[in-house]
C-alpha atoms as a PDB file:
ATOM      1  CA  SER A   1      23.335   7.337   8.809  1.00  0.00           C
ATOM      2  CA  SER A   2      20.210   8.586   7.131  1.00  0.00           C
ATOM      3  CA  ASP A   3      16.673   7.257   7.820  1.00  0.00           C
ATOM      4  CA  LEU A   4      14.480   7.802   4.748  1.00  0.00           C
ATOM      5  CA  ASN A   5      10.754   7.099   5.201  1.00  0.00           C
ATOM      6  CA  TYR A   6       8.654   6.744   2.044  1.00  0.00           C
ATOM      7  CA  ILE A   7       5.067   5.940   1.158  1.00  0.00           C
ATOM      8  CA  ASP A   8       5.145   3.777  -1.982  1.00  0.00           C
ATOM      9  CA  VAL A   9       2.176   3.581  -4.363  1.00  0.00           C
ATOM     10  CA  PRO A  10       2.773   0.936  -7.035  1.00  0.00           C
ATOM     11  CA  LEU A  11       0.391   0.386  -9.959  1.00  0.00           C
ATOM     12  CA  VAL A  12       1.325  -3.086 -11.130  1.00  0.00           C
ATOM     13  CA  ILE A  13      -0.114  -5.706 -13.443  1.00  0.00           C
ATOM     14  CA  LYS A  14       0.108  -9.270 -12.194  1.00  0.00           C
ATOM     15  CA  ALA A  15      -0.067 -12.349 -14.421  1.00  0.00           C
ATOM     16  CA  GLU A  16      -0.124 -15.984 -13.437  1.00  0.00           C
ATOM     17  CA  VAL A  17       2.238 -17.625 -15.936  1.00  0.00           C
ATOM     18  CA  ALA A  18       1.911 -21.183 -14.549  1.00  0.00           C
ATOM     19  CA  LYS A  19      -0.061 -22.806 -11.726  1.00  0.00           C
ATOM     20  CA  GLY A  20       0.981 -20.880  -8.607  1.00  0.00           C
ATOM     21  CA  LEU A  21       3.726 -18.886 -10.378  1.00  0.00           C
ATOM     22  CA  SER A  22       3.070 -15.192 -11.041  1.00  0.00           C
ATOM     23  CA  ILE A  23       5.005 -12.145 -12.194  1.00  0.00           C
ATOM     24  CA  TYR A  24       4.191  -8.485 -11.708  1.00  0.00           C
ATOM     25  CA  ALA A  25       5.490  -5.173 -13.072  1.00  0.00           C
ATOM     26  CA  GLY A  26       4.494  -1.550 -13.381  1.00  0.00           C
ATOM     27  CA  PRO A  27       5.199   2.065 -12.421  1.00  0.00           C
ATOM     28  CA  GLN A  28       5.551   3.269  -8.835  1.00  0.00           C
ATOM     29  CA  VAL A  29       5.319   6.691  -7.215  1.00  0.00           C
ATOM     30  CA  SER A  30       7.019   7.167  -3.843  1.00  0.00           C
ATOM     31  CA  TYR A  31       6.576  10.122  -1.500  1.00  0.00           C
ATOM     32  CA  LEU A  32       9.301  11.072   1.005  1.00  0.00           C
ATOM     33  CA  VAL A  33       7.613  11.630   4.362  1.00  0.00           C
ATOM     34  CA  LYS A  34      10.708  12.200   6.511  1.00  0.00           C
ATOM     35  CA  ASN A  35      14.496  11.985   6.274  1.00  0.00           C
ATOM     36  CA  ASN A  36      16.542  12.192   9.480  1.00  0.00           C
ATOM     37  CA  LEU A  37      20.327  12.242   9.637  1.00  0.00           C
ATOM     38  CA  ARG A  38      21.439  10.315  12.701  1.00  0.00           C
ATOM     39  CA  LEU A  39      24.677  11.540  14.328  1.00  0.00           C
ATOM     40  CA  ASN A  40      26.451   9.439  16.982  1.00  0.00           C
ATOM     41  CA  ALA A  41      29.834   9.863  18.674  1.00  0.00           C
ATOM     42  CA  SER A  42      31.284   7.648  21.369  1.00  0.00           C
ATOM     43  CA  VAL A  43      34.641   6.982  23.055  1.00  0.00           C
ATOM     44  CA  LEU A  44      35.464   3.657  24.713  1.00  0.00           C
ATOM     45  CA  GLY A  45      31.812   2.642  24.615  1.00  0.00           C
ATOM     46  CA  ILE A  46      30.603   5.834  26.256  1.00  0.00           C
ATOM     47  CA  ASN A  47      28.006   7.639  24.170  1.00  0.00           C
ATOM     48  CA  LEU A  48      29.012  11.316  23.983  1.00  0.00           C
ATOM     49  CA  TYR A  49      26.639  12.591  21.297  1.00  0.00           C
ATOM     50  CA  ASN A  50      23.412  11.198  19.891  1.00  0.00           C
ATOM     51  CA  ASN A  51      21.199  13.454  17.788  1.00  0.00           C
ATOM     52  CA  LYS A  52      18.852  13.421  14.772  1.00  0.00           C
ATOM     53  CA  ILE A  53      18.726  16.272  12.267  1.00  0.00           C
ATOM     54  CA  ASP A  54      15.758  16.670   9.883  1.00  0.00           C
ATOM     55  CA  ILE A  55      17.198  16.951   6.353  1.00  0.00           C
ATOM     56  CA  THR A  56      13.945  16.274   4.466  1.00  0.00           C
ATOM     57  CA  ASP A  57      13.966  19.639   2.668  1.00  0.00           C
ATOM     58  CA  ASN A  58      17.304  18.787   0.989  1.00  0.00           C
ATOM     59  CA  PHE A  59      15.697  15.883  -0.902  1.00  0.00           C
ATOM     60  CA  ASN A  60      13.086  15.596  -3.644  1.00  0.00           C
ATOM     61  CA  ARG A  61       9.755  14.540  -2.132  1.00  0.00           C
ATOM     62  CA  VAL A  62       8.533  12.564  -5.154  1.00  0.00           C
ATOM     63  CA  ASP A  63      10.383   9.590  -6.648  1.00  0.00           C
ATOM     64  CA  MET A  64       9.118   7.999  -9.849  1.00  0.00           C
ATOM     65  CA  GLY A  65      10.189   4.413 -10.452  1.00  0.00           C
ATOM     66  CA  LEU A  66       9.466   0.923 -11.708  1.00  0.00           C
ATOM     67  CA  ALA A  67       8.504  -2.112  -9.638  1.00  0.00           C
ATOM     68  CA  GLY A  68       8.602  -5.755 -10.638  1.00  0.00           C
ATOM     69  CA  GLY A  69       8.924  -9.221  -9.261  1.00  0.00           C
ATOM     70  CA  ILE A  70       7.995 -12.873  -9.151  1.00  0.00           C
ATOM     71  CA  GLY A  71       6.022 -14.969  -6.702  1.00  0.00           C
ATOM     72  CA  TYR A  72       4.863 -18.492  -6.044  1.00  0.00           C
ATOM     73  CA  LYS A  73       1.774 -19.588  -4.096  1.00  0.00           C
ATOM     74  CA  PHE A  74       1.704 -23.198  -2.907  1.00  0.00           C
ATOM     75  CA  ASP A  75      -1.553 -25.192  -2.720  1.00  0.00           C
ATOM     76  CA  ASN A  76      -1.553 -24.991   1.103  1.00  0.00           C
ATOM     77  CA  GLY A  77      -1.602 -21.121   1.002  1.00  0.00           C
ATOM     78  CA  PHE A  78       2.059 -20.578   1.773  1.00  0.00           C
ATOM     79  CA  ASN A  79       3.623 -18.061  -0.649  1.00  0.00           C
ATOM     80  CA  ILE A  80       6.980 -16.454  -1.378  1.00  0.00           C
ATOM     81  CA  LYS A  81       7.783 -13.332  -3.411  1.00  0.00           C
ATOM     82  CA  ALA A  82      10.873 -11.517  -4.598  1.00  0.00           C
ATOM     83  CA  GLY A  83      10.824  -8.044  -6.118  1.00  0.00           C
ATOM     84  CA  TYR A  84      12.877  -5.058  -7.114  1.00  0.00           C
ATOM     85  CA  ASP A  85      12.050  -1.327  -7.091  1.00  0.00           C
ATOM     86  CA  TYR A  86      14.092   0.806  -9.490  1.00  0.00           C
ATOM     87  CA  GLY A  87      13.918   4.534  -8.751  1.00  0.00           C
ATOM     88  CA  LEU A  88      14.262   6.825 -11.766  1.00  0.00           C
ATOM     89  CA  SER A  89      14.358  10.205  -9.966  1.00  0.00           C
ATOM     90  CA  LYS A  90      17.420  11.715  -8.310  1.00  0.00           C
ATOM     91  CA  LEU A  91      17.051  11.937  -4.547  1.00  0.00           C
ATOM     92  CA  ASP A  92      19.147  15.064  -4.006  1.00  0.00           C
ATOM     93  CA  LYS A  93      17.170  18.262  -4.615  1.00  0.00           C
ATOM     94  CA  ASN A  94      20.359  20.355  -5.023  1.00  0.00           C
ATOM     95  CA  ASP A  95      22.149  18.017  -7.481  1.00  0.00           C
ATOM     96  CA  ASN A  96      25.175  17.688  -5.145  1.00  0.00           C
ATOM     97  CA  PHE A  97      25.265  13.912  -5.573  1.00  0.00           C
ATOM     98  CA  LYS A  98      23.689  11.302  -7.820  1.00  0.00           C
ATOM     99  CA  ALA A  99      21.672   8.862  -5.688  1.00  0.00           C
ATOM    100  CA  TYR A 100      18.595   6.848  -6.573  1.00  0.00           C
ATOM    101  CA  ASN A 101      16.299   4.505  -4.669  1.00  0.00           C
ATOM    102  CA  ARG A 102      17.023   0.884  -5.519  1.00  0.00           C
ATOM    103  CA  VAL A 103      15.330  -1.751  -3.320  1.00  0.00           C
ATOM    104  CA  ALA A 104      15.409  -5.558  -3.421  1.00  0.00           C
ATOM    105  CA  LYS A 105      12.722  -7.239  -1.340  1.00  0.00           C
ATOM    106  CA  ILE A 106      11.751 -10.756  -0.328  1.00  0.00           C
ATOM    107  CA  SER A 107       8.526 -11.732   1.415  1.00  0.00           C
ATOM    108  CA  VAL A 108       7.016 -14.875   2.885  1.00  0.00           C
ATOM    109  CA  GLY A 109       3.306 -15.164   3.602  1.00  0.00           C
ATOM    110  CA  PHE A 110       0.299 -17.329   4.126  1.00  0.00           C
ATOM    111  CA  SER A 111      -3.122 -16.919   2.467  1.00  0.00           C
ATOM    112  CA  PHE A 112      -6.243 -18.431   3.983  1.00  0.00           C
END
C-alpha cells in the first residue's frame, strides 16, 4: 500500500443558504509532503518482511483541485459537514498511470 501525506490549502467561499444550513466551494492547492510504499510479506501469520520505501520523487508535488460541501449547525452548537475534494492534476510524474486525488469527507463537531 502507499501512504500519501498532503498539506491541503483550500480557498473556499461559504454561504448560509438557510438558518444553520451552509454550502461552500472553491479551489484547493495540495502539496505532497511524503509518499511511502509499504511492503509486507508473511507466511502462516509470521511476518517475514516489513519495509517502507520512499517513492515521493515519482509523484507530482503539487495537486490543483476543487473543494466543496454542505454543512448544518444546530442551535446547541453541534454541527455536521460533508464535503468532496476533486483533484485535477495527475499524481504520477512519469505518466505511467492516470490517478487523481478524489476524497469524500464527513465531520462532526461542536462550536461553543
